[in-house]
């Protein structure tokens, strides 16, 4: 089990970029803001063509619908509702450290290329 997801990071980065663009538009004078808003709307509607490699398609098709244990999910949900669920802080900390190490090694590998 991984804590965190690189897709979440990409989503956060795109939201941050969009927020910066909106702040930039808000800070411009009214006529320029209208022009910027129109061009941003056009860009948002333009779309970007995306193609998936065969490896991605094969992986998506090969993934079964049982990627999780429904019984365990139900048991955890029940424990939360009853107030008896306890978090294993050591396991969470270990996963956070593993995730941080993975992220750092990925970043260092990208810098060295």
PDB file of N, CA and C in Angstrom:
ATOM      1  N   UNK A   1       0.847  -1.179   0.000  1.00  0.00           N
ATOM      2  CA  UNK A   1       0.000   0.000   0.000  1.00  0.00           C
ATOM      3  C   UNK A   1       0.887   1.235   0.000  1.00  0.00           C
ATOM      4  N   UNK A   2       0.551   2.167  -0.849  1.00  0.00           N
ATOM      5  CA  UNK A   2       1.301   3.410  -0.911  1.00  0.00           C
ATOM      6  C   UNK A   2       0.484   4.520  -0.289  1.00  0.00           C
ATOM      7  N   UNK A   3       1.169   5.392   0.384  1.00  0.00           N
ATOM      8  CA  UNK A   3       0.531   6.605   0.879  1.00  0.00           C
ATOM      9  C   UNK A   3       0.990   7.707  -0.043  1.00  0.00           C
ATOM     10  N   UNK A   4       0.069   8.349  -0.667  1.00  0.00           N
ATOM     11  CA  UNK A   4       0.416   9.387  -1.630  1.00  0.00           C
ATOM     12  C   UNK A   4       0.401   8.820  -3.031  1.00  0.00           C
ATOM     13  N   UNK A   5       0.282   9.696  -3.994  1.00  0.00           N
ATOM     14  CA  UNK A   5       0.181   9.267  -5.371  1.00  0.00           C
ATOM     15  C   UNK A   5       0.763  10.362  -6.236  1.00  0.00           C
ATOM     16  N   UNK A   6       1.577  10.003  -7.201  1.00  0.00           N
ATOM     17  CA  UNK A   6       2.165  11.002  -8.077  1.00  0.00           C
ATOM     18  C   UNK A   6       1.109  11.723  -8.880  1.00  0.00           C
ATOM     19  N   UNK A   7      -0.032  11.064  -9.154  1.00  0.00           N
ATOM     20  CA  UNK A   7      -1.123  11.736  -9.856  1.00  0.00           C
ATOM     21  C   UNK A   7      -1.656  12.888  -9.015  1.00  0.00           C
ATOM     22  N   UNK A   8      -1.662  12.705  -7.697  1.00  0.00           N
ATOM     23  CA  UNK A   8      -2.096  13.791  -6.819  1.00  0.00           C
ATOM     24  C   UNK A   8      -1.159  14.981  -6.948  1.00  0.00           C
ATOM     25  N   UNK A   9       0.126  14.717  -7.054  1.00  0.00           N
ATOM     26  CA  UNK A   9       1.107  15.791  -7.192  1.00  0.00           C
ATOM     27  C   UNK A   9       0.889  16.540  -8.494  1.00  0.00           C
ATOM     28  N   UNK A  10       0.669  15.814  -9.580  1.00  0.00           N
ATOM     29  CA  UNK A  10       0.434  16.465 -10.877  1.00  0.00           C
ATOM     30  C   UNK A  10      -0.823  17.308 -10.830  1.00  0.00           C
ATOM     31  N   UNK A  11      -1.862  16.781 -10.189  1.00  0.00           N
ATOM     32  CA  UNK A  11      -3.114  17.529 -10.070  1.00  0.00           C
ATOM     33  C   UNK A  11      -2.904  18.802  -9.262  1.00  0.00           C
ATOM     34  N   UNK A  12      -2.161  18.695  -8.172  1.00  0.00           N
ATOM     35  CA  UNK A  12      -1.882  19.860  -7.338  1.00  0.00           C
ATOM     36  C   UNK A  12      -1.096  20.905  -8.113  1.00  0.00           C
ATOM     37  N   UNK A  13      -0.110  20.457  -8.885  1.00  0.00           N
ATOM     38  CA  UNK A  13       0.693  21.390  -9.672  1.00  0.00           C
ATOM     39  C   UNK A  13      -0.150  22.095 -10.726  1.00  0.00           C
ATOM     40  N   UNK A  14      -1.067  21.366 -11.374  1.00  0.00           N
ATOM     41  CA  UNK A  14      -1.899  22.011 -12.391  1.00  0.00           C
ATOM     42  C   UNK A  14      -2.866  22.988 -11.748  1.00  0.00           C
ATOM     43  N   UNK A  15      -3.383  22.657 -10.551  1.00  0.00           N
ATOM     44  CA  UNK A  15      -4.267  23.581  -9.844  1.00  0.00           C
ATOM     45  C   UNK A  15      -3.501  24.838  -9.429  1.00  0.00           C
ATOM     46  N   UNK A  16      -2.252  24.667  -9.006  1.00  0.00           N
ATOM     47  CA  UNK A  16      -1.428  25.806  -8.608  1.00  0.00           C
ATOM     48  C   UNK A  16      -1.164  26.715  -9.802  1.00  0.00           C
ATOM     49  N   UNK A  17      -0.858  26.117 -10.939  1.00  0.00           N
ATOM     50  CA  UNK A  17      -0.614  26.911 -12.149  1.00  0.00           C
ATOM     51  C   UNK A  17      -1.876  27.661 -12.560  1.00  0.00           C
ATOM     52  N   UNK A  18      -3.032  26.997 -12.465  1.00  0.00           N
ATOM     53  CA  UNK A  18      -4.292  27.655 -12.814  1.00  0.00           C
ATOM     54  C   UNK A  18      -4.577  28.805 -11.854  1.00  0.00           C
ATOM     55  N   UNK A  19      -4.286  28.612 -10.571  1.00  0.00           N
ATOM     56  CA  UNK A  19      -4.517  29.668  -9.583  1.00  0.00           C
ATOM     57  C   UNK A  19      -3.605  30.862  -9.848  1.00  0.00           C
ATOM     58  N   UNK A  20      -2.356  30.595 -10.230  1.00  0.00           N
ATOM     59  CA  UNK A  20      -1.438  31.689 -10.549  1.00  0.00           C
ATOM     60  C   UNK A  20      -1.932  32.467 -11.761  1.00  0.00           C
ATOM     61  N   UNK A  21      -2.439  31.740 -12.769  1.00  0.00           N
ATOM     62  CA  UNK A  21      -2.959  32.402 -13.961  1.00  0.00           C
ATOM     63  C   UNK A  21      -4.165  33.260 -13.602  1.00  0.00           C
ATOM     64  N   UNK A  22      -5.063  32.739 -12.749  1.00  0.00           N
ATOM     65  CA  UNK A  22      -6.237  33.507 -12.342  1.00  0.00           C
ATOM     66  C   UNK A  22      -5.826  34.748 -11.563  1.00  0.00           C
ATOM     67  N   UNK A  23      -4.831  34.630 -10.695  1.00  0.00           N
ATOM     68  CA  UNK A  23      -4.361  35.786  -9.930  1.00  0.00           C
ATOM     69  C   UNK A  23      -3.752  36.822 -10.861  1.00  0.00           C
ATOM     70  N   UNK A  24      -3.040  36.367 -11.869  1.00  0.00           N
ATOM     71  CA  UNK A  24      -2.436  37.271 -12.837  1.00  0.00           C
ATOM     72  C   UNK A  24      -3.520  38.019 -13.612  1.00  0.00           C
ATOM     73  N   UNK A  25      -4.571  37.301 -14.007  1.00  0.00           N
ATOM     74  CA  UNK A  25      -5.682  37.924 -14.734  1.00  0.00           C
ATOM     75  C   UNK A  25      -6.392  38.933 -13.841  1.00  0.00           C
ATOM     76  N   UNK A  26      -6.590  38.594 -12.574  1.00  0.00           N
ATOM     77  CA  UNK A  26      -7.290  39.489 -11.651  1.00  0.00           C
ATOM     78  C   UNK A  26      -6.496  40.768 -11.401  1.00  0.00           C
ATOM     79  N   UNK A  27      -5.184  40.708 -11.497  1.00  0.00           N
ATOM     80  CA  UNK A  27      -4.347  41.872 -11.211  1.00  0.00           C
ATOM     81  C   UNK A  27      -4.199  42.812 -12.408  1.00  0.00           C
ATOM     82  N   UNK A  28      -4.635  42.375 -13.589  1.00  0.00           N
ATOM     83  CA  UNK A  28      -4.486  43.219 -14.778  1.00  0.00           C
ATOM     84  C   UNK A  28      -5.637  44.205 -14.876  1.00  0.00           C
ATOM     85  N   UNK A  29      -5.443  45.337 -15.596  1.00  0.00           N
ATOM     86  CA  UNK A  29      -6.522  46.304 -15.783  1.00  0.00           C
ATOM     87  C   UNK A  29      -7.698  45.658 -16.511  1.00  0.00           C
ATOM     88  N   UNK A  30      -8.885  46.274 -16.403  1.00  0.00           N
ATOM     89  CA  UNK A  30     -10.123  45.689 -16.909  1.00  0.00           C
ATOM     90  C   UNK A  30     -10.061  45.274 -18.381  1.00  0.00           C
ATOM     91  N   UNK A  31      -9.675  46.134 -19.346  1.00  0.00           N
ATOM     92  CA  UNK A  31      -9.658  45.690 -20.743  1.00  0.00           C
ATOM     93  C   UNK A  31      -8.692  44.529 -20.970  1.00  0.00           C
ATOM     94  N   UNK A  32      -7.537  44.591 -20.350  1.00  0.00           N
ATOM     95  CA  UNK A  32      -6.570  43.509 -20.504  1.00  0.00           C
ATOM     96  C   UNK A  32      -7.089  42.236 -19.846  1.00  0.00           C
ATOM     97  N   UNK A  33      -7.796  42.381 -18.737  1.00  0.00           N
ATOM     98  CA  UNK A  33      -8.352  41.222 -18.045  1.00  0.00           C
ATOM     99  C   UNK A  33      -9.384  40.527 -18.919  1.00  0.00           C
ATOM    100  N   UNK A  34     -10.201  41.312 -19.627  1.00  0.00           N
ATOM    101  CA  UNK A  34     -11.198  40.709 -20.509  1.00  0.00           C
ATOM    102  C   UNK A  34     -10.519  39.924 -21.621  1.00  0.00           C
ATOM    103  N   UNK A  35      -9.485  40.495 -22.205  1.00  0.00           N
ATOM    104  CA  UNK A  35      -8.750  39.816 -23.270  1.00  0.00           C
ATOM    105  C   UNK A  35      -8.096  38.545 -22.738  1.00  0.00           C
ATOM    106  N   UNK A  36      -7.483  38.635 -21.577  1.00  0.00           N
ATOM    107  CA  UNK A  36      -6.831  37.472 -20.979  1.00  0.00           C
ATOM    108  C   UNK A  36      -7.850  36.395 -20.646  1.00  0.00           C
ATOM    109  N   UNK A  37      -9.003  36.790 -20.144  1.00  0.00           N
ATOM    110  CA  UNK A  37     -10.044  35.821 -19.801  1.00  0.00           C
ATOM    111  C   UNK A  37     -10.537  35.106 -21.053  1.00  0.00           C
ATOM    112  N   UNK A  38     -10.718  35.860 -22.147  1.00  0.00           N
ATOM    113  CA  UNK A  38     -11.165  35.238 -23.396  1.00  0.00           C
ATOM    114  C   UNK A  38     -10.121  34.251 -23.914  1.00  0.00           C
ATOM    115  N   UNK A  39      -8.852  34.644 -23.881  1.00  0.00           N
ATOM    116  CA  UNK A  39      -7.814  33.741 -24.384  1.00  0.00           C
ATOM    117  C   UNK A  39      -7.666  32.519 -23.477  1.00  0.00           C
ATOM    118  N   UNK A  40      -7.845  32.695 -22.179  1.00  0.00           N
ATOM    119  CA  UNK A  40      -7.782  31.555 -21.260  1.00  0.00           C
ATOM    120  C   UNK A  40      -8.945  30.612 -21.513  1.00  0.00           C
ATOM    121  N   UNK A  41     -10.129  31.165 -21.788  1.00  0.00           N
ATOM    122  CA  UNK A  41     -11.294  30.328 -22.071  1.00  0.00           C
ATOM    123  C   UNK A  41     -11.077  29.540 -23.355  1.00  0.00           C
ATOM    124  N   UNK A  42     -10.506  30.181 -24.371  1.00  0.00           N
ATOM    125  CA  UNK A  42     -10.223  29.484 -25.625  1.00  0.00           C
ATOM    126  C   UNK A  42      -9.219  28.364 -25.390  1.00  0.00           C
ATOM    127  N   UNK A  43      -8.193  28.659 -24.619  1.00  0.00           N
ATOM    128  CA  UNK A  43      -7.169  27.654 -24.343  1.00  0.00           C
ATOM    129  C   UNK A  43      -7.755  26.488 -23.560  1.00  0.00           C
ATOM    130  N   UNK A  44      -8.661  26.782 -22.627  1.00  0.00           N
ATOM    131  CA  UNK A  44      -9.286  25.729 -21.833  1.00  0.00           C
ATOM    132  C   UNK A  44     -10.169  24.833 -22.676  1.00  0.00           C
ATOM    133  N   UNK A  45     -10.769  25.380 -23.735  1.00  0.00           N
ATOM    134  CA  UNK A  45     -11.651  24.605 -24.594  1.00  0.00           C
ATOM    135  C   UNK A  45     -10.906  23.921 -25.727  1.00  0.00           C
ATOM    136  N   UNK A  46      -9.654  24.291 -25.947  1.00  0.00           N
ATOM    137  CA  UNK A  46      -8.900  23.768 -27.080  1.00  0.00           C
ATOM    138  C   UNK A  46      -8.670  22.268 -26.964  1.00  0.00           C
ATOM    139  N   UNK A  47      -8.378  21.778 -25.792  1.00  0.00           N
ATOM    140  CA  UNK A  47      -8.128  20.359 -25.599  1.00  0.00           C
ATOM    141  C   UNK A  47      -6.742  19.967 -26.077  1.00  0.00           C
ATOM    142  N   UNK A  48      -6.307  18.832 -25.630  1.00  0.00           N
ATOM    143  CA  UNK A  48      -5.002  18.312 -25.997  1.00  0.00           C
ATOM    144  C   UNK A  48      -5.188  16.851 -26.389  1.00  0.00           C
ATOM    145  N   UNK A  49      -4.725  16.457 -27.571  1.00  0.00           N
ATOM    146  CA  UNK A  49      -4.866  15.047 -27.947  1.00  0.00           C
ATOM    147  C   UNK A  49      -3.953  14.180 -27.082  1.00  0.00           C
ATOM    148  N   UNK A  50      -4.490  13.070 -26.628  1.00  0.00           N
ATOM    149  CA  UNK A  50      -3.744  12.162 -25.764  1.00  0.00           C
ATOM    150  C   UNK A  50      -3.830  10.763 -26.353  1.00  0.00           C
ATOM    151  N   UNK A  51      -2.706  10.089 -26.412  1.00  0.00           N
ATOM    152  CA  UNK A  51      -2.695   8.692 -26.844  1.00  0.00           C
ATOM    153  C   UNK A  51      -2.042   7.867 -25.751  1.00  0.00           C
ATOM    154  N   UNK A  52      -2.524   6.654 -25.600  1.00  0.00           N
ATOM    155  CA  UNK A  52      -1.994   5.754 -24.588  1.00  0.00           C
ATOM    156  C   UNK A  52      -1.188   4.661 -25.266  1.00  0.00           C
ATOM    157  N   UNK A  53      -0.063   4.320 -24.669  1.00  0.00           N
ATOM    158  CA  UNK A  53       0.755   3.247 -25.225  1.00  0.00           C
ATOM    159  C   UNK A  53       0.053   1.915 -25.015  1.00  0.00           C
ATOM    160  N   UNK A  54       0.473   0.925 -25.782  1.00  0.00           N
ATOM    161  CA  UNK A  54      -0.138  -0.392 -25.656  1.00  0.00           C
ATOM    162  C   UNK A  54       0.114  -0.978 -24.270  1.00  0.00           C
ATOM    163  N   UNK A  55       1.263  -0.671 -23.670  1.00  0.00           N
ATOM    164  CA  UNK A  55       1.562  -1.167 -22.320  1.00  0.00           C
ATOM    165  C   UNK A  55       0.545  -0.657 -21.313  1.00  0.00           C
ATOM    166  N   UNK A  56       0.185   0.613 -21.430  1.00  0.00           N
ATOM    167  CA  UNK A  56      -0.790   1.194 -20.504  1.00  0.00           C
ATOM    168  C   UNK A  56      -2.145   0.542 -20.708  1.00  0.00           C
ATOM    169  N   UNK A  57      -2.543   0.380 -21.967  1.00  0.00           N
ATOM    170  CA  UNK A  57      -3.834  -0.243 -22.256  1.00  0.00           C
ATOM    171  C   UNK A  57      -3.879  -1.678 -21.756  1.00  0.00           C
ATOM    172  N   UNK A  58      -2.805  -2.421 -21.961  1.00  0.00           N
ATOM    173  CA  UNK A  58      -2.747  -3.803 -21.496  1.00  0.00           C
ATOM    174  C   UNK A  58      -2.811  -3.864 -19.975  1.00  0.00           C
ATOM    175  N   UNK A  59      -2.097  -2.979 -19.312  1.00  0.00           N
ATOM    176  CA  UNK A  59      -2.110  -2.956 -17.846  1.00  0.00           C
ATOM    177  C   UNK A  59      -3.497  -2.630 -17.323  1.00  0.00           C
ATOM    178  N   UNK A  60      -4.172  -1.696 -17.975  1.00  0.00           N
ATOM    179  CA  UNK A  60      -5.513  -1.321 -17.534  1.00  0.00           C
ATOM    180  C   UNK A  60      -6.486  -2.472 -17.733  1.00  0.00           C
ATOM    181  N   UNK A  61      -6.366  -3.197 -18.832  1.00  0.00           N
ATOM    182  CA  UNK A  61      -7.255  -4.325 -19.088  1.00  0.00           C
ATOM    183  C   UNK A  61      -6.944  -5.502 -18.177  1.00  0.00           C
ATOM    184  N   UNK A  62      -5.663  -5.668 -17.834  1.00  0.00           N
ATOM    185  CA  UNK A  62      -5.264  -6.782 -16.996  1.00  0.00           C
ATOM    186  C   UNK A  62      -5.614  -6.610 -15.533  1.00  0.00           C
ATOM    187  N   UNK A  63      -5.903  -5.401 -15.145  1.00  0.00           N
ATOM    188  CA  UNK A  63      -6.221  -5.130 -13.745  1.00  0.00           C
ATOM    189  C   UNK A  63      -7.603  -5.693 -13.429  1.00  0.00           C
ATOM    190  N   UNK A  64      -7.689  -6.476 -12.404  1.00  0.00           N
ATOM    191  CA  UNK A  64      -8.983  -7.057 -12.053  1.00  0.00           C
ATOM    192  C   UNK A  64      -9.797  -6.068 -11.236  1.00  0.00           C
ATOM    193  N   UNK A  65     -11.076  -6.350 -11.144  1.00  0.00           N
ATOM    194  CA  UNK A  65     -11.970  -5.477 -10.386  1.00  0.00           C
ATOM    195  C   UNK A  65     -11.790  -5.677  -8.887  1.00  0.00           C
ATOM    196  N   UNK A  66     -10.988  -6.641  -8.490  1.00  0.00           N
ATOM    197  CA  UNK A  66     -10.800  -6.930  -7.068  1.00  0.00           C
ATOM    198  C   UNK A  66      -9.427  -6.467  -6.609  1.00  0.00           C
ATOM    199  N   UNK A  67      -9.100  -5.223  -6.890  1.00  0.00           N
ATOM    200  CA  UNK A  67      -7.826  -4.671  -6.450  1.00  0.00           C
ATOM    201  C   UNK A  67      -7.813  -4.389  -4.952  1.00  0.00           C
ATOM    202  N   UNK A  68      -8.939  -4.580  -4.300  1.00  0.00           N
ATOM    203  CA  UNK A  68      -9.008  -4.358  -2.866  1.00  0.00           C
ATOM    204  C   UNK A  68      -9.847  -5.463  -2.242  1.00  0.00           C
ATOM    205  N   UNK A  69      -9.701  -5.623  -0.952  1.00  0.00           N
ATOM    206  CA  UNK A  69     -10.435  -6.638  -0.212  1.00  0.00           C
ATOM    207  C   UNK A  69     -11.694  -5.992   0.351  1.00  0.00           C
ATOM    208  N   UNK A  70     -12.831  -6.261  -0.267  1.00  0.00           N
ATOM    209  CA  UNK A  70     -14.092  -5.635   0.126  1.00  0.00           C
ATOM    210  C   UNK A  70     -14.465  -5.975   1.569  1.00  0.00           C
ATOM    211  N   UNK A  71     -14.154  -7.191   1.998  1.00  0.00           N
ATOM    212  CA  UNK A  71     -14.472  -7.582   3.378  1.00  0.00           C
ATOM    213  C   UNK A  71     -13.660  -6.760   4.380  1.00  0.00           C
ATOM    214  N   UNK A  72     -12.394  -6.550   4.065  1.00  0.00           N
ATOM    215  CA  UNK A  72     -11.546  -5.765   4.967  1.00  0.00           C
ATOM    216  C   UNK A  72     -12.013  -4.312   5.005  1.00  0.00           C
ATOM    217  N   UNK A  73     -12.398  -3.778   3.844  1.00  0.00           N
ATOM    218  CA  UNK A  73     -12.910  -2.407   3.795  1.00  0.00           C
ATOM    219  C   UNK A  73     -14.159  -2.291   4.655  1.00  0.00           C
ATOM    220  N   UNK A  74     -15.050  -3.271   4.553  1.00  0.00           N
ATOM    221  CA  UNK A  74     -16.277  -3.253   5.355  1.00  0.00           C
ATOM    222  C   UNK A  74     -15.955  -3.343   6.845  1.00  0.00           C
ATOM    223  N   UNK A  75     -14.963  -4.162   7.199  1.00  0.00           N
ATOM    224  CA  UNK A  75     -14.581  -4.301   8.606  1.00  0.00           C
ATOM    225  C   UNK A  75     -13.997  -3.002   9.151  1.00  0.00           C
ATOM    226  N   UNK A  76     -13.150  -2.343   8.360  1.00  0.00           N
ATOM    227  CA  UNK A  76     -12.562  -1.075   8.795  1.00  0.00           C
ATOM    228  C   UNK A  76     -13.646  -0.016   8.924  1.00  0.00           C
ATOM    229  N   UNK A  77     -14.555   0.023   7.965  1.00  0.00           N
ATOM    230  CA  UNK A  77     -15.654   0.989   8.012  1.00  0.00           C
ATOM    231  C   UNK A  77     -16.495   0.780   9.266  1.00  0.00           C
ATOM    232  N   UNK A  78     -16.784  -0.467   9.565  1.00  0.00           N
ATOM    233  CA  UNK A  78     -17.568  -0.785  10.759  1.00  0.00           C
ATOM    234  C   UNK A  78     -16.829  -0.362  12.027  1.00  0.00           C
ATOM    235  N   UNK A  79     -15.522  -0.630  12.079  1.00  0.00           N
ATOM    236  CA  UNK A  79     -14.732  -0.252  13.256  1.00  0.00           C
ATOM    237  C   UNK A  79     -14.706   1.263  13.426  1.00  0.00           C
ATOM    238  N   UNK A  80     -14.624   1.999  12.311  1.00  0.00           N
ATOM    239  CA  UNK A  80     -14.634   3.461  12.391  1.00  0.00           C
ATOM    240  C   UNK A  80     -15.970   3.942  12.925  1.00  0.00           C
ATOM    241  N   UNK A  81     -17.054   3.369  12.401  1.00  0.00           N
ATOM    242  CA  UNK A  81     -18.393   3.773  12.846  1.00  0.00           C
ATOM    243  C   UNK A  81     -18.607   3.485  14.327  1.00  0.00           C
ATOM    244  N   UNK A  82     -18.035   2.373  14.811  1.00  0.00           N
ATOM    245  CA  UNK A  82     -18.180   2.001  16.218  1.00  0.00           C
ATOM    246  C   UNK A  82     -17.208   2.755  17.119  1.00  0.00           C
ATOM    247  N   UNK A  83     -16.228   3.413  16.511  1.00  0.00           N
ATOM    248  CA  UNK A  83     -15.237   4.137  17.299  1.00  0.00           C
ATOM    249  C   UNK A  83     -14.134   3.255  17.839  1.00  0.00           C
ATOM    250  N   UNK A  84     -14.012   2.039  17.314  1.00  0.00           N
ATOM    251  CA  UNK A  84     -12.995   1.123  17.820  1.00  0.00           C
ATOM    252  C   UNK A  84     -11.780   1.007  16.898  1.00  0.00           C
ATOM    253  N   UNK A  85     -11.762   1.731  15.800  1.00  0.00           N
ATOM    254  CA  UNK A  85     -10.632   1.674  14.872  1.00  0.00           C
ATOM    255  C   UNK A  85      -9.440   2.402  15.469  1.00  0.00           C
ATOM    256  N   UNK A  86      -8.294   1.761  15.434  1.00  0.00           N
ATOM    257  CA  UNK A  86      -7.069   2.357  15.947  1.00  0.00           C
ATOM    258  C   UNK A  86      -6.048   2.434  14.818  1.00  0.00           C
ATOM    259  N   UNK A  87      -5.399   3.558  14.697  1.00  0.00           N
ATOM    260  CA  UNK A  87      -4.379   3.754  13.672  1.00  0.00           C
ATOM    261  C   UNK A  87      -3.047   3.251  14.206  1.00  0.00           C
ATOM    262  N   UNK A  88      -2.350   2.473  13.399  1.00  0.00           N
ATOM    263  CA  UNK A  88      -1.016   2.004  13.753  1.00  0.00           C
ATOM    264  C   UNK A  88      -0.038   3.092  13.316  1.00  0.00           C
ATOM    265  N   UNK A  89       0.315   3.969  14.235  1.00  0.00           N
ATOM    266  CA  UNK A  89       1.162   5.121  13.919  1.00  0.00           C
ATOM    267  C   UNK A  89       2.518   4.694  13.373  1.00  0.00           C
ATOM    268  N   UNK A  90       3.056   3.601  13.871  1.00  0.00           N
ATOM    269  CA  UNK A  90       4.355   3.132  13.395  1.00  0.00           C
ATOM    270  C   UNK A  90       4.279   2.719  11.922  1.00  0.00           C
ATOM    271  N   UNK A  91       3.205   2.026  11.543  1.00  0.00           N
ATOM    272  CA  UNK A  91       3.042   1.614  10.144  1.00  0.00           C
ATOM    273  C   UNK A  91       2.868   2.827   9.238  1.00  0.00           C
ATOM    274  N   UNK A  92       2.103   3.806   9.691  1.00  0.00           N
ATOM    275  CA  UNK A  92       1.907   5.029   8.906  1.00  0.00           C
ATOM    276  C   UNK A  92       3.239   5.762   8.739  1.00  0.00           C
ATOM    277  N   UNK A  93       3.995   5.870   9.810  1.00  0.00           N
ATOM    278  CA  UNK A  93       5.292   6.550   9.748  1.00  0.00           C
ATOM    279  C   UNK A  93       6.244   5.820   8.802  1.00  0.00           C
ATOM    280  N   UNK A  94       6.261   4.490   8.870  1.00  0.00           N
ATOM    281  CA  UNK A  94       7.117   3.711   7.970  1.00  0.00           C
ATOM    282  C   UNK A  94       6.757   3.963   6.511  1.00  0.00           C
ATOM    283  N   UNK A  95       5.464   3.963   6.205  1.00  0.00           N
ATOM    284  CA  UNK A  95       5.021   4.199   4.827  1.00  0.00           C
ATOM    285  C   UNK A  95       5.360   5.616   4.377  1.00  0.00           C
ATOM    286  N   UNK A  96       5.234   6.580   5.276  1.00  0.00           N
ATOM    287  CA  UNK A  96       5.583   7.958   4.927  1.00  0.00           C
ATOM    288  C   UNK A  96       7.072   8.078   4.613  1.00  0.00           C
ATOM    289  N   UNK A  97       7.904   7.413   5.413  1.00  0.00           N
ATOM    290  CA  UNK A  97       9.347   7.444   5.174  1.00  0.00           C
ATOM    291  C   UNK A  97       9.710   6.744   3.863  1.00  0.00           C
ATOM    292  N   UNK A  98       9.051   5.613   3.583  1.00  0.00           N
ATOM    293  CA  UNK A  98       9.291   4.916   2.321  1.00  0.00           C
ATOM    294  C   UNK A  98       8.917   5.807   1.141  1.00  0.00           C
ATOM    295  N   UNK A  99       7.773   6.466   1.254  1.00  0.00           N
ATOM    296  CA  UNK A  99       7.297   7.341   0.183  1.00  0.00           C
ATOM    297  C   UNK A  99       8.257   8.516  -0.010  1.00  0.00           C
ATOM    298  N   UNK A 100       8.737   9.095   1.082  1.00  0.00           N
ATOM    299  CA  UNK A 100       9.679  10.216   0.988  1.00  0.00           C
ATOM    300  C   UNK A 100      10.980   9.763   0.339  1.00  0.00           C
ATOM    301  N   UNK A 101      11.475   8.596   0.717  1.00  0.00           N
ATOM    302  CA  UNK A 101      12.712   8.079   0.133  1.00  0.00           C
ATOM    303  C   UNK A 101      12.532   7.824  -1.361  1.00  0.00           C
ATOM    304  N   UNK A 102      11.386   7.276  -1.736  1.00  0.00           N
ATOM    305  CA  UNK A 102      11.108   7.022  -3.151  1.00  0.00           C
ATOM    306  C   UNK A 102      11.041   8.330  -3.932  1.00  0.00           C
ATOM    307  N   UNK A 103      10.376   9.319  -3.371  1.00  0.00           N
ATOM    308  CA  UNK A 103      10.251  10.616  -4.032  1.00  0.00           C
ATOM    309  C   UNK A 103      11.611  11.280  -4.188  1.00  0.00           C
ATOM    310  N   UNK A 104      12.431  11.239  -3.145  1.00  0.00           N
ATOM    311  CA  UNK A 104      13.767  11.834  -3.217  1.00  0.00           C
ATOM    312  C   UNK A 104      14.651  11.126  -4.237  1.00  0.00           C
ATOM    313  N   UNK A 105      14.601   9.805  -4.259  1.00  0.00           N
ATOM    314  CA  UNK A 105      15.434   9.079  -5.221  1.00  0.00           C
ATOM    315  C   UNK A 105      14.971   9.360  -6.643  1.00  0.00           C
ATOM    316  N   UNK A 106      13.672   9.510  -6.843  1.00  0.00           N
ATOM    317  CA  UNK A 106      13.142   9.855  -8.164  1.00  0.00           C
ATOM    318  C   UNK A 106      13.617  11.247  -8.577  1.00  0.00           C
ATOM    319  N   UNK A 107      13.559  12.196  -7.658  1.00  0.00           N
ATOM    320  CA  UNK A 107      13.987  13.565  -7.955  1.00  0.00           C
ATOM    321  C   UNK A 107      15.485  13.613  -8.249  1.00  0.00           C
ATOM    322  N   UNK A 108      16.278  12.882  -7.484  1.00  0.00           N
ATOM    323  CA  UNK A 108      17.723  12.862  -7.712  1.00  0.00           C
ATOM    324  C   UNK A 108      18.060  12.213  -9.045  1.00  0.00           C
ATOM    325  N   UNK A 109      17.327  11.180  -9.413  1.00  0.00           N
ATOM    326  CA  UNK A 109      17.559  10.513 -10.695  1.00  0.00           C
ATOM    327  C   UNK A 109      17.237  11.452 -11.851  1.00  0.00           C
ATOM    328  N   UNK A 110      16.187  12.242 -11.708  1.00  0.00           N
ATOM    329  CA  UNK A 110      15.811  13.191 -12.765  1.00  0.00           C
ATOM    330  C   UNK A 110      16.851  14.302 -12.889  1.00  0.00           C
ATOM    331  N   UNK A 111      17.436  14.725 -11.778  1.00  0.00           N
ATOM    332  CA  UNK A 111      18.454  15.783 -11.809  1.00  0.00           C
ATOM    333  C   UNK A 111      19.738  15.299 -12.466  1.00  0.00           C
ATOM    334  N   UNK A 112      20.074  14.030 -12.279  1.00  0.00           N
ATOM    335  CA  UNK A 112      21.334  13.509 -12.799  1.00  0.00           C
ATOM    336  C   UNK A 112      21.278  13.252 -14.303  1.00  0.00           C
ATOM    337  N   UNK A 113      20.088  13.263 -14.886  1.00  0.00           N
ATOM    338  CA  UNK A 113      19.970  13.016 -16.341  1.00  0.00           C
ATOM    339  C   UNK A 113      20.106  14.255 -17.101  1.00  0.00           C
TER     340      UNK A 113
END
